[in-house]
Amino acid sequence: RLGKRKQNGESMNFTVIRTLAEMETLAGEWNTLLTESASDVPFLRYEYLAAWWQTLGGGEWPAGELYVVIARHAGGKLAGIAPLFLTTNRAGERALMFLGSIEISDYLDVLARPADLGDFLAGLIEMLSGPQAPNFDLLDLYNLPEGSPSLPALVDAAHERGWTLEQELLQHCPYVALPGDWEKYLAEQVDKKQRHEIRRKMRRAEESGLPVRWYIVQDEASLQAEMDEFLRLMAQDPEKGRFLTESMRTQMHAAARAALRAGWLQLAFLEVDGKKAAGYLNFDYDNHIWVYNSGLDFNFRELSPGWVLLGYLLQWANQNQRGHFDFMRGDEEYKYRFGAIDRHIVRVKMRR
């Protein structure tokens, strides 16, 4: 136990988790708290972050130490989690960073109910200001959604303790709000030229004279082979091929397996004449589709398999009443052609 903060007549007891075994004992409480938190995203699920920690993000970080700060109310109810680790950041500083940082987790944050968030972050910064805090130069928090209530709460906590705080806009994260009807989506959210293109490409694939089908992987027994095929498609892009080191492949397999077992994986393929022409690795979580990565077989490029599969996935998402289709990080042009609108993620740097 590292500290206690009393606010509004209630106290929070703060402790630090330093091992994965300790963290695992929180798995059920962790995911329950996440569903009640302001930033309920798949990258903050316990099973995702546990898989991330096993490879330190597919080898993104050569070393790190767990430093997960949790707070409980006086009665024992979990009030907040700051999923942090200690490492040397890209500038060579000793940093406390979010688990999941930076490259393969699009949205990161703390976990706390809105009513507890301000007190939790104030208590966290108070704890990190004291003699029991670890040796670190800064809190270096990447990939916070710009609309997260954690941002103003961190500003308040920094001001209260005399810390400095800098915010930096990082990346575009386009998304589509879905109306629940495919034709209505096309008519109201996609401009006329692009609407025609989407329909034309889907029709051309269906009328190509070759058997075309798409499907979502359901069976864990086939997941290893299906993920190998997905990574093969990804690697046809030279930049993605360089990204897919052995450690990153291990990480991608682990993340997909964890998501499937927890019920929120959407691994989809388009097959042409029995051969995989395109794949999308998405997460189907909290009534949203989160578009994580994709791969193409360039031998089928004349059929635009990526656009076609994306069309089928958007059609499915509307039919199945998903509320949003989130393209996540990156401002690639095709996202806006499918009617996406912008929002951003930020980086917050805080120093004592």
Protein backbone atom coordinates (compact mmCIF):
# COMPACT_ATOMS: atom_id res chain seq x y z
CA ARG A 1 0.00 0.00 0.00
CA LEU A 2 1.53 3.28 -1.08
CA GLY A 3 -0.88 5.98 -0.20
CA LYS A 4 -4.32 7.11 0.79
CA ARG A 5 -6.27 10.06 -0.55
CA LYS A 6 -9.37 11.40 1.09
CA GLN A 7 -11.80 13.41 -1.02
CA ASN A 8 -15.46 14.23 -0.66
CA GLY A 9 -15.56 12.27 2.58
CA GLU A 10 -14.29 9.05 0.94
CA SER A 11 -10.79 7.63 0.91
CA MET A 12 -8.97 5.77 -1.85
CA ASN A 13 -6.19 3.35 -1.00
CA PHE A 14 -3.44 3.20 -3.62
CA THR A 15 -1.23 0.18 -4.28
CA VAL A 16 1.18 -0.83 -7.03
CA ILE A 17 1.19 -4.06 -9.03
CA ARG A 18 4.70 -5.11 -10.10
CA THR A 19 4.18 -8.61 -11.55
CA LEU A 20 1.95 -10.18 -14.18
CA ALA A 21 0.87 -12.81 -11.66
CA GLU A 22 -0.46 -10.09 -9.35
CA MET A 23 -2.09 -8.33 -12.30
CA GLU A 24 -3.84 -11.54 -13.34
CA THR A 25 -5.70 -11.69 -10.01
CA LEU A 26 -7.42 -8.44 -11.07
CA ALA A 27 -8.57 -9.69 -14.50
CA GLY A 28 -12.29 -9.93 -13.73
CA GLU A 29 -12.44 -6.68 -11.74
CA TRP A 30 -10.28 -4.97 -14.36
CA ASN A 31 -12.65 -5.74 -17.24
CA THR A 32 -15.72 -4.90 -15.17
CA LEU A 33 -14.25 -1.50 -14.29
CA LEU A 34 -13.38 -0.91 -17.94
CA THR A 35 -17.02 -1.34 -19.01
CA GLU A 36 -17.93 1.48 -16.60
CA SER A 37 -15.03 3.76 -17.59
CA ALA A 38 -15.08 6.76 -19.89
CA SER A 39 -12.60 5.15 -22.31
CA ASP A 40 -13.97 1.64 -22.84
CA VAL A 41 -11.71 0.48 -25.68
CA PRO A 42 -10.37 -2.99 -26.59
CA PHE A 43 -6.75 -1.91 -26.01
CA LEU A 44 -7.48 -1.53 -22.28
CA ARG A 45 -8.97 -5.00 -21.81
CA TYR A 46 -6.97 -7.09 -19.37
CA GLU A 47 -6.37 -9.91 -21.88
CA TYR A 48 -5.07 -7.50 -24.54
CA LEU A 49 -2.61 -5.76 -22.20
CA ALA A 50 -1.45 -9.05 -20.67
CA ALA A 51 -0.67 -10.33 -24.18
CA TRP A 52 1.07 -7.03 -25.00
CA TRP A 53 3.25 -7.27 -21.90
CA GLN A 54 4.48 -10.78 -22.79
CA THR A 55 6.37 -9.37 -25.80
CA LEU A 56 6.59 -5.70 -24.73
CA GLY A 57 4.56 -4.73 -27.75
CA GLY A 58 6.11 -7.16 -30.20
CA GLY A 59 9.60 -5.99 -29.26
CA GLU A 60 8.91 -2.26 -29.38
CA TRP A 61 10.56 -1.88 -25.96
CA PRO A 62 13.76 -3.77 -25.13
CA ALA A 63 13.03 -3.61 -21.40
CA GLY A 64 10.41 -2.44 -18.95
CA GLU A 65 9.10 -2.87 -15.40
CA LEU A 66 5.42 -3.17 -14.56
CA TYR A 67 4.10 -0.30 -12.48
CA VAL A 68 0.31 -0.66 -12.47
CA VAL A 69 -1.25 1.69 -9.92
CA ILE A 70 -4.64 0.69 -8.54
CA ALA A 71 -6.95 2.44 -6.10
CA ARG A 72 -9.75 1.00 -4.01
CA HIS A 73 -12.50 2.68 -2.05
CA ALA A 74 -12.49 2.16 1.71
CA GLY A 75 -14.93 -0.73 1.31
CA GLY A 76 -12.58 -2.51 -1.12
CA LYS A 77 -14.32 -1.69 -4.42
CA LEU A 78 -11.90 -1.06 -7.27
CA ALA A 79 -11.94 2.67 -8.12
CA GLY A 80 -9.20 3.14 -10.69
CA ILE A 81 -6.32 1.59 -12.60
CA ALA A 82 -3.39 3.41 -14.16
CA PRO A 83 -1.86 0.68 -16.39
CA LEU A 84 1.73 1.91 -16.43
CA PHE A 85 5.23 0.58 -16.91
CA LEU A 86 8.70 2.02 -16.41
CA THR A 87 11.01 2.16 -19.40
CA THR A 88 13.44 4.39 -21.28
CA ASN A 89 11.41 6.40 -23.76
CA ARG A 90 12.41 7.42 -27.29
CA ALA A 91 14.19 10.51 -25.97
CA GLY A 92 16.29 8.41 -23.57
CA GLU A 93 14.40 9.54 -20.47
CA ARG A 94 13.23 7.35 -17.60
CA ALA A 95 9.49 7.38 -18.25
CA LEU A 96 6.29 6.02 -16.81
CA MET A 97 4.19 5.10 -19.86
CA PHE A 98 0.88 3.42 -20.57
CA LEU A 99 1.00 -0.34 -21.10
CA GLY A 100 0.28 -0.73 -24.81
CA SER A 101 2.45 2.22 -25.87
CA ILE A 102 3.00 3.19 -28.64
CA GLU A 103 2.77 1.56 -32.03
CA ILE A 104 0.18 -1.19 -31.82
CA SER A 105 -2.45 0.16 -29.40
CA ASP A 106 -4.46 2.94 -30.97
CA TYR A 107 -6.27 4.28 -27.87
CA LEU A 108 -4.94 4.26 -24.30
CA ASP A 109 -6.10 5.79 -21.02
CA VAL A 110 -6.62 5.12 -17.31
CA LEU A 111 -9.61 3.11 -16.10
CA ALA A 112 -12.01 4.81 -13.72
CA ARG A 113 -15.71 5.54 -13.47
CA PRO A 114 -16.48 9.16 -14.39
CA ALA A 115 -17.43 9.95 -10.78
CA ASP A 116 -14.05 8.64 -9.52
CA LEU A 117 -11.79 9.85 -12.32
CA GLY A 118 -10.78 13.26 -10.91
CA ASP A 119 -10.02 11.90 -7.44
CA PHE A 120 -8.17 8.91 -8.85
CA LEU A 121 -5.88 11.00 -11.07
CA ALA A 122 -5.32 13.57 -8.31
CA GLY A 123 -4.37 10.72 -5.97
CA LEU A 124 -2.10 9.17 -8.59
CA ILE A 125 -0.18 12.41 -9.13
CA GLU A 126 0.00 12.98 -5.36
CA MET A 127 1.45 9.50 -4.91
CA LEU A 128 3.96 10.01 -7.72
CA SER A 129 5.02 13.30 -6.10
CA GLY A 130 6.02 11.62 -2.83
CA PRO A 131 9.11 9.77 -1.58
CA GLN A 132 7.57 6.37 -2.33
CA ALA A 133 7.45 7.11 -6.09
CA PRO A 134 9.86 5.26 -8.38
CA ASN A 135 12.84 6.92 -10.04
CA PHE A 136 11.42 8.52 -13.19
CA ASP A 137 11.77 11.73 -15.21
CA LEU A 138 8.25 12.10 -16.56
CA LEU A 139 4.83 10.61 -17.18
CA ASP A 140 4.81 10.12 -20.96
CA LEU A 141 1.27 9.21 -21.97
CA TYR A 142 0.64 8.40 -25.64
CA ASN A 143 -2.59 7.78 -27.58
CA LEU A 144 -5.10 9.45 -25.27
CA PRO A 145 -8.33 10.20 -27.16
CA GLU A 146 -8.70 13.97 -27.47
CA GLY A 147 -12.20 13.77 -25.97
CA SER A 148 -11.13 11.77 -22.92
CA PRO A 149 -12.17 13.35 -19.60
CA SER A 150 -8.76 12.23 -18.31
CA LEU A 151 -7.18 15.20 -20.11
CA PRO A 152 -8.81 18.02 -18.10
CA ALA A 153 -8.49 15.89 -14.94
CA LEU A 154 -4.73 15.53 -15.55
CA VAL A 155 -4.45 19.30 -16.09
CA ASP A 156 -6.18 19.89 -12.74
CA ALA A 157 -4.01 17.31 -10.96
CA ALA A 158 -0.82 18.78 -12.44
CA HIS A 159 -1.81 22.28 -11.35
CA GLU A 160 -2.64 21.08 -7.84
CA ARG A 161 0.78 19.46 -7.37
CA GLY A 162 2.85 22.01 -9.29
CA TRP A 163 3.74 19.67 -12.17
CA THR A 164 4.29 20.89 -15.72
CA LEU A 165 2.08 19.46 -18.45
CA GLU A 166 2.44 19.55 -22.24
CA GLN A 167 -0.07 18.25 -24.79
CA GLU A 168 0.81 17.30 -28.36
CA LEU A 169 -1.65 16.37 -31.10
CA LEU A 170 -0.47 13.03 -32.52
CA GLN A 171 -2.60 11.44 -35.24
CA HIS A 172 -5.92 11.46 -37.05
CA CYS A 173 -8.37 8.72 -36.02
CA PRO A 174 -11.26 8.82 -38.55
CA TYR A 175 -14.51 7.02 -37.78
CA VAL A 176 -18.01 6.52 -39.17
CA ALA A 177 -21.19 6.77 -37.08
CA LEU A 178 -23.47 4.08 -38.50
CA PRO A 179 -27.23 4.59 -38.99
CA GLY A 180 -28.02 0.85 -38.87
CA ASP A 181 -29.01 0.70 -42.55
CA TRP A 182 -26.58 0.06 -45.42
CA GLU A 183 -28.47 2.05 -48.04
CA LYS A 184 -29.06 4.96 -45.68
CA TYR A 185 -25.35 4.97 -44.78
CA LEU A 186 -24.35 5.11 -48.46
CA ALA A 187 -26.94 7.78 -49.28
CA GLU A 188 -26.27 10.09 -46.34
CA GLN A 189 -22.62 9.64 -45.41
CA VAL A 190 -20.76 8.85 -48.65
CA ASP A 191 -20.58 11.36 -51.49
CA LYS A 192 -22.20 10.47 -54.79
CA LYS A 193 -19.00 9.65 -56.69
CA GLN A 194 -17.61 7.39 -53.95
CA ARG A 195 -21.01 5.76 -53.41
CA HIS A 196 -21.00 4.81 -57.10
CA GLU A 197 -17.41 3.49 -56.83
CA ILE A 198 -18.17 1.31 -53.80
CA ARG A 199 -21.20 -0.23 -55.47
CA ARG A 200 -19.38 -0.67 -58.78
CA LYS A 201 -16.42 -2.47 -57.20
CA MET A 202 -18.60 -4.79 -55.14
CA ARG A 203 -20.72 -5.60 -58.19
CA ARG A 204 -17.64 -6.16 -60.39
CA ALA A 205 -16.24 -8.70 -57.92
CA GLU A 206 -19.58 -10.51 -57.71
CA GLU A 207 -19.91 -10.60 -61.50
CA SER A 208 -16.27 -11.50 -62.24
CA GLY A 209 -17.15 -15.06 -63.23
CA LEU A 210 -15.06 -16.38 -60.34
CA PRO A 211 -16.60 -17.62 -57.09
CA VAL A 212 -16.33 -14.84 -54.49
CA ARG A 213 -17.17 -15.20 -50.80
CA TRP A 214 -16.32 -13.49 -47.56
CA TYR A 215 -16.45 -14.82 -44.02
CA ILE A 216 -15.55 -14.08 -40.42
CA VAL A 217 -13.37 -16.61 -38.58
CA GLN A 218 -15.30 -18.24 -35.74
CA ASP A 219 -13.35 -21.36 -34.76
CA GLU A 220 -10.37 -21.18 -32.42
CA ALA A 221 -9.06 -24.46 -33.84
CA SER A 222 -8.47 -22.76 -37.19
CA LEU A 223 -7.23 -19.44 -35.81
CA GLN A 224 -3.50 -20.19 -35.97
CA ALA A 225 -3.68 -21.09 -39.67
CA GLU A 226 -6.03 -18.20 -40.46
CA MET A 227 -3.74 -15.72 -38.72
CA ASP A 228 -0.75 -17.12 -40.62
CA GLU A 229 -2.67 -16.41 -43.82
CA PHE A 230 -3.57 -12.93 -42.64
CA LEU A 231 0.07 -12.14 -41.84
CA ARG A 232 1.05 -13.47 -45.28
CA LEU A 233 -1.35 -10.98 -46.86
CA MET A 234 -0.05 -8.18 -44.64
CA ALA A 235 3.54 -8.92 -45.56
CA GLN A 236 2.87 -8.37 -49.28
CA ASP A 237 3.09 -4.67 -48.44
CA PRO A 238 6.86 -4.08 -48.03
CA GLU A 239 6.42 -1.63 -45.14
CA LYS A 240 4.15 -4.04 -43.26
CA GLY A 241 6.53 -6.88 -44.09
CA ARG A 242 9.36 -5.03 -42.30
CA PHE A 243 7.05 -4.38 -39.36
CA LEU A 244 6.26 -8.10 -38.98
CA THR A 245 9.33 -9.29 -37.09
CA GLU A 246 9.16 -12.67 -35.39
CA SER A 247 8.36 -10.98 -32.08
CA MET A 248 5.61 -8.89 -33.70
CA ARG A 249 4.11 -11.99 -35.33
CA THR A 250 4.05 -13.66 -31.91
CA GLN A 251 2.33 -10.56 -30.50
CA MET A 252 -0.29 -10.46 -33.29
CA HIS A 253 -1.11 -14.14 -32.79
CA ALA A 254 -1.42 -13.63 -29.02
CA ALA A 255 -3.67 -10.57 -29.39
CA ALA A 256 -5.96 -12.34 -31.87
CA ARG A 257 -6.19 -15.45 -29.68
CA ALA A 258 -6.99 -13.36 -26.58
CA ALA A 259 -9.65 -11.39 -28.46
CA LEU A 260 -11.27 -14.53 -29.91
CA ARG A 261 -11.45 -16.24 -26.52
CA ALA A 262 -13.01 -13.12 -25.00
CA GLY A 263 -15.51 -12.86 -27.84
CA TRP A 264 -14.45 -9.65 -29.59
CA LEU A 265 -12.27 -10.70 -32.54
CA GLN A 266 -13.46 -9.97 -36.09
CA LEU A 267 -10.95 -11.59 -38.46
CA ALA A 268 -12.50 -11.47 -41.94
CA PHE A 269 -11.37 -12.67 -45.36
CA LEU A 270 -12.48 -12.21 -48.95
CA GLU A 271 -11.81 -15.27 -51.08
CA VAL A 272 -11.73 -15.24 -54.90
CA ASP A 273 -11.74 -18.63 -56.61
CA GLY A 274 -10.86 -20.26 -53.29
CA LYS A 275 -7.82 -18.04 -52.66
CA LYS A 276 -7.58 -15.35 -50.00
CA ALA A 277 -7.53 -11.98 -51.75
CA ALA A 278 -7.95 -9.65 -48.75
CA GLY A 279 -8.17 -9.78 -44.98
CA TYR A 280 -9.17 -7.43 -42.18
CA LEU A 281 -8.21 -7.90 -38.55
CA ASN A 282 -10.81 -5.93 -36.58
CA PHE A 283 -12.19 -5.91 -33.08
CA ASP A 284 -15.97 -6.18 -32.57
CA TYR A 285 -16.18 -4.63 -29.13
CA ASP A 286 -18.67 -2.47 -27.22
CA ASN A 287 -21.02 -2.13 -30.19
CA HIS A 288 -18.18 -0.73 -32.34
CA ILE A 289 -16.03 -2.19 -35.08
CA TRP A 290 -12.39 -1.19 -34.55
CA VAL A 291 -10.33 -1.58 -37.76
CA TYR A 292 -6.93 -2.81 -36.58
CA ASN A 293 -5.05 -3.94 -39.70
CA SER A 294 -5.49 -5.30 -43.21
CA GLY A 295 -3.70 -7.26 -45.90
CA LEU A 296 -4.07 -7.78 -49.65
CA ASP A 297 -2.95 -10.25 -52.29
CA PHE A 298 -1.84 -7.90 -55.06
CA ASN A 299 -2.47 -10.61 -57.68
CA PHE A 300 -6.17 -9.73 -57.29
CA ARG A 301 -5.78 -5.95 -57.40
CA GLU A 302 -7.96 -5.58 -60.51
CA LEU A 303 -10.92 -6.68 -58.35
CA SER A 304 -10.16 -4.11 -55.60
CA PRO A 305 -10.48 -6.81 -52.91
CA GLY A 306 -9.71 -4.45 -50.02
CA TRP A 307 -12.53 -2.07 -50.96
CA VAL A 308 -14.89 -4.96 -51.60
CA LEU A 309 -14.25 -6.61 -48.24
CA LEU A 310 -14.51 -3.24 -46.49
CA GLY A 311 -17.88 -2.73 -48.18
CA TYR A 312 -19.10 -6.11 -46.94
CA LEU A 313 -17.89 -5.34 -43.41
CA LEU A 314 -19.65 -1.97 -43.35
CA GLN A 315 -22.80 -3.61 -44.70
CA TRP A 316 -22.56 -6.27 -41.95
CA ALA A 317 -21.93 -3.63 -39.26
CA ASN A 318 -25.04 -1.70 -40.30
CA GLN A 319 -27.18 -4.84 -40.49
CA ASN A 320 -25.96 -5.93 -37.05
CA GLN A 321 -26.65 -2.51 -35.50
CA ARG A 322 -23.09 -1.61 -34.62
CA GLY A 323 -22.94 2.04 -33.65
CA HIS A 324 -19.54 3.04 -35.04
CA PHE A 325 -16.96 1.83 -37.52
CA ASP A 326 -13.65 3.18 -36.21
CA PHE A 327 -10.76 3.29 -38.68
CA MET A 328 -8.44 4.30 -35.83
CA ARG A 329 -5.00 5.84 -36.41
CA GLY A 330 -3.96 7.15 -39.79
CA ASP A 331 -5.33 9.64 -42.31
CA GLU A 332 -5.31 7.37 -45.38
CA GLU A 333 -7.56 8.75 -48.11
CA TYR A 334 -9.75 5.66 -48.47
CA LYS A 335 -11.11 6.14 -44.94
CA TYR A 336 -12.61 9.50 -45.86
CA ARG A 337 -13.98 8.09 -49.11
CA PHE A 338 -16.04 5.74 -46.96
CA GLY A 339 -17.48 8.73 -45.12
CA ALA A 340 -15.22 8.89 -42.08
CA ILE A 341 -14.99 12.06 -40.01
CA ASP A 342 -11.95 13.12 -38.03
CA ARG A 343 -10.91 13.03 -34.43
CA HIS A 344 -7.44 12.76 -32.92
CA ILE A 345 -5.27 11.27 -30.22
CA VAL A 346 -2.82 13.23 -28.09
CA ARG A 347 0.35 12.74 -26.10
CA VAL A 348 0.63 14.18 -22.60
CA LYS A 349 4.02 14.80 -20.96
CA MET A 350 3.97 15.58 -17.23
CA ARG A 351 6.99 16.42 -15.07
CA ARG A 352 7.34 16.92 -11.34
